[in-house]
C-alpha atoms as a PDB file:
ATOM      1  CA  UNK A   1     -21.976 -31.472   2.552  1.00  0.00           C
ATOM      2  CA  UNK A   2     -22.895 -27.822   3.118  1.00  0.00           C
ATOM      3  CA  UNK A   3     -20.233 -27.568   5.804  1.00  0.00           C
ATOM      4  CA  UNK A   4     -17.543 -28.997   3.537  1.00  0.00           C
ATOM      5  CA  UNK A   5     -18.441 -26.702   0.631  1.00  0.00           C
ATOM      6  CA  UNK A   6     -18.553 -23.635   2.866  1.00  0.00           C
ATOM      7  CA  UNK A   7     -15.261 -24.571   4.527  1.00  0.00           C
ATOM      8  CA  UNK A   8     -13.545 -25.095   1.173  1.00  0.00           C
ATOM      9  CA  UNK A   9     -14.743 -21.728  -0.090  1.00  0.00           C
ATOM     10  CA  UNK A  10     -13.701 -19.830   3.037  1.00  0.00           C
ATOM     11  CA  UNK A  11     -10.385 -21.643   3.484  1.00  0.00           C
ATOM     12  CA  UNK A  12      -9.458 -21.096  -0.171  1.00  0.00           C
ATOM     13  CA  UNK A  13     -10.251 -17.406   0.275  1.00  0.00           C
ATOM     14  CA  UNK A  14      -8.054 -17.248   3.391  1.00  0.00           C
ATOM     15  CA  UNK A  15      -5.215 -18.972   1.557  1.00  0.00           C
ATOM     16  CA  UNK A  16      -5.476 -16.561  -1.355  1.00  0.00           C
ATOM     17  CA  UNK A  17      -5.557 -13.523   0.942  1.00  0.00           C
ATOM     18  CA  UNK A  18      -2.546 -14.844   2.874  1.00  0.00           C
ATOM     19  CA  UNK A  19      -0.431 -14.262  -0.227  1.00  0.00           C
ATOM     20  CA  UNK A  20      -1.447 -10.620  -0.676  1.00  0.00           C
ATOM     21  CA  UNK A  21       1.607  -8.352  -0.865  1.00  0.00           C
ATOM     22  CA  UNK A  22       1.797  -6.062   2.157  1.00  0.00           C
ATOM     23  CA  UNK A  23       1.891  -2.317   1.553  1.00  0.00           C
ATOM     24  CA  UNK A  24       4.303  -0.936   4.142  1.00  0.00           C
ATOM     25  CA  UNK A  25       3.435   2.718   3.433  1.00  0.00           C
ATOM     26  CA  UNK A  26       2.245   3.329   6.996  1.00  0.00           C
ATOM     27  CA  UNK A  27       4.059   0.455   8.735  1.00  0.00           C
ATOM     28  CA  UNK A  28       4.313   1.339  12.445  1.00  0.00           C
ATOM     29  CA  UNK A  29       7.871   0.062  12.966  1.00  0.00           C
ATOM     30  CA  UNK A  30      11.055   1.819  11.938  1.00  0.00           C
ATOM     31  CA  UNK A  31      12.450  -0.708   9.508  1.00  0.00           C
ATOM     32  CA  UNK A  32      10.924  -2.822   6.769  1.00  0.00           C
ATOM     33  CA  UNK A  33      14.136  -3.816   5.027  1.00  0.00           C
ATOM     34  CA  UNK A  34      13.838  -7.507   5.927  1.00  0.00           C
ATOM     35  CA  UNK A  35      10.168  -7.510   4.920  1.00  0.00           C
ATOM     36  CA  UNK A  36      10.246  -5.817   1.508  1.00  0.00           C
ATOM     37  CA  UNK A  37       8.075  -7.805  -0.900  1.00  0.00           C
ATOM     38  CA  UNK A  38       6.543  -9.826   1.946  1.00  0.00           C
ATOM     39  CA  UNK A  39       3.034 -11.256   1.877  1.00  0.00           C
ATOM     40  CA  UNK A  40       0.559 -11.142   4.749  1.00  0.00           C
ATOM     41  CA  UNK A  41       1.517 -14.657   5.870  1.00  0.00           C
ATOM     42  CA  UNK A  42       5.221 -13.766   5.686  1.00  0.00           C
ATOM     43  CA  UNK A  43       4.644 -10.841   8.054  1.00  0.00           C
ATOM     44  CA  UNK A  44       2.490 -12.960  10.370  1.00  0.00           C
ATOM     45  CA  UNK A  45       5.268 -15.559  10.552  1.00  0.00           C
ATOM     46  CA  UNK A  46       7.920 -12.864  11.061  1.00  0.00           C
ATOM     47  CA  UNK A  47       5.984 -11.323  13.941  1.00  0.00           C
ATOM     48  CA  UNK A  48       5.307 -14.706  15.539  1.00  0.00           C
ATOM     49  CA  UNK A  49       8.996 -15.646  15.438  1.00  0.00           C
ATOM     50  CA  UNK A  50      10.483 -12.246  16.236  1.00  0.00           C
ATOM     51  CA  UNK A  51      10.875 -12.868  19.962  1.00  0.00           C
ATOM     52  CA  UNK A  52      14.337 -14.291  19.385  1.00  0.00           C
ATOM     53  CA  UNK A  53      15.962 -11.545  17.360  1.00  0.00           C
ATOM     54  CA  UNK A  54      13.375  -9.059  16.143  1.00  0.00           C
ATOM     55  CA  UNK A  55      11.382  -6.164  17.476  1.00  0.00           C
ATOM     56  CA  UNK A  56      10.325  -5.890  21.124  1.00  0.00           C
ATOM     57  CA  UNK A  57       7.060  -7.373  22.391  1.00  0.00           C
ATOM     58  CA  UNK A  58       5.464  -3.917  22.374  1.00  0.00           C
ATOM     59  CA  UNK A  59       6.526  -3.352  18.767  1.00  0.00           C
ATOM     60  CA  UNK A  60       5.201  -6.780  17.772  1.00  0.00           C
ATOM     61  CA  UNK A  61       1.861  -5.964  19.426  1.00  0.00           C
ATOM     62  CA  UNK A  62       1.675  -2.649  17.550  1.00  0.00           C
ATOM     63  CA  UNK A  63       2.615  -4.236  14.225  1.00  0.00           C
ATOM     64  CA  UNK A  64       0.189  -7.122  14.759  1.00  0.00           C
ATOM     65  CA  UNK A  65      -2.681  -4.727  15.413  1.00  0.00           C
ATOM     66  CA  UNK A  66      -1.737  -2.718  12.322  1.00  0.00           C
ATOM     67  CA  UNK A  67      -1.643  -5.879  10.188  1.00  0.00           C
ATOM     68  CA  UNK A  68      -4.976  -7.135  11.545  1.00  0.00           C
ATOM     69  CA  UNK A  69      -6.640  -3.791  10.842  1.00  0.00           C
ATOM     70  CA  UNK A  70      -5.123  -3.312   7.394  1.00  0.00           C
ATOM     71  CA  UNK A  71      -5.690  -6.908   6.242  1.00  0.00           C
ATOM     72  CA  UNK A  72      -8.849  -7.713   8.206  1.00  0.00           C
ATOM     73  CA  UNK A  73     -10.308  -9.717   5.295  1.00  0.00           C
ATOM     74  CA  UNK A  74      -7.520 -12.276   5.691  1.00  0.00           C
ATOM     75  CA  UNK A  75      -7.904 -12.575   9.459  1.00  0.00           C
ATOM     76  CA  UNK A  76     -11.705 -12.818   9.221  1.00  0.00           C
ATOM     77  CA  UNK A  77     -11.477 -15.568   6.577  1.00  0.00           C
ATOM     78  CA  UNK A  78      -8.773 -17.413   8.537  1.00  0.00           C
ATOM     79  CA  UNK A  79     -10.788 -17.319  11.759  1.00  0.00           C
ATOM     80  CA  UNK A  80     -13.895 -18.581   9.964  1.00  0.00           C
ATOM     81  CA  UNK A  81     -11.851 -21.308   8.261  1.00  0.00           C
ATOM     82  CA  UNK A  82     -10.480 -22.412  11.641  1.00  0.00           C
ATOM     83  CA  UNK A  83     -13.993 -22.406  13.132  1.00  0.00           C
ATOM     84  CA  UNK A  84     -15.429 -24.463  10.263  1.00  0.00           C
ATOM     85  CA  UNK A  85     -12.538 -26.916  10.453  1.00  0.00           C
ATOM     86  CA  UNK A  86     -13.173 -27.357  14.185  1.00  0.00           C
ATOM     87  CA  UNK A  87     -16.885 -27.811  13.555  1.00  0.00           C
ATOM     88  CA  UNK A  88     -16.119 -30.441  10.923  1.00  0.00           C
ATOM     89  CA  UNK A  89     -13.779 -32.274  13.332  1.00  0.00           C
ATOM     90  CA  UNK A  90     -16.435 -32.296  16.034  1.00  0.00           C
ATOM     91  CA  UNK A  91     -19.161 -33.588  13.676  1.00  0.00           C
ATOM     92  CA  UNK A  92     -17.217 -36.207  11.759  1.00  0.00           C
ATOM     93  CA  UNK A  93     -14.455 -37.325  14.093  1.00  0.00           C
ATOM     94  CA  UNK A  94     -14.784 -40.904  15.203  1.00  0.00           C
END
């Protein structure tokens, strides 16, 4: 039960942090027009799908690093949530 309670707490925190509005004051790319008002998860999704019609791979790498540094609480909580979910699967999967 400890695992479930801890996972719920951490995953809820990650979900809450995912919807934090991003402050683009020192955004490393030239334009933010399509991202104004975006949340952390919006920017993550934008960067993950930008290969088709967005910034170059180098720009995505730079922006991803910036996002991970600026919003490290989200990424830490998300990684821990993923780890706890995997641990739960391994323990209770039949």
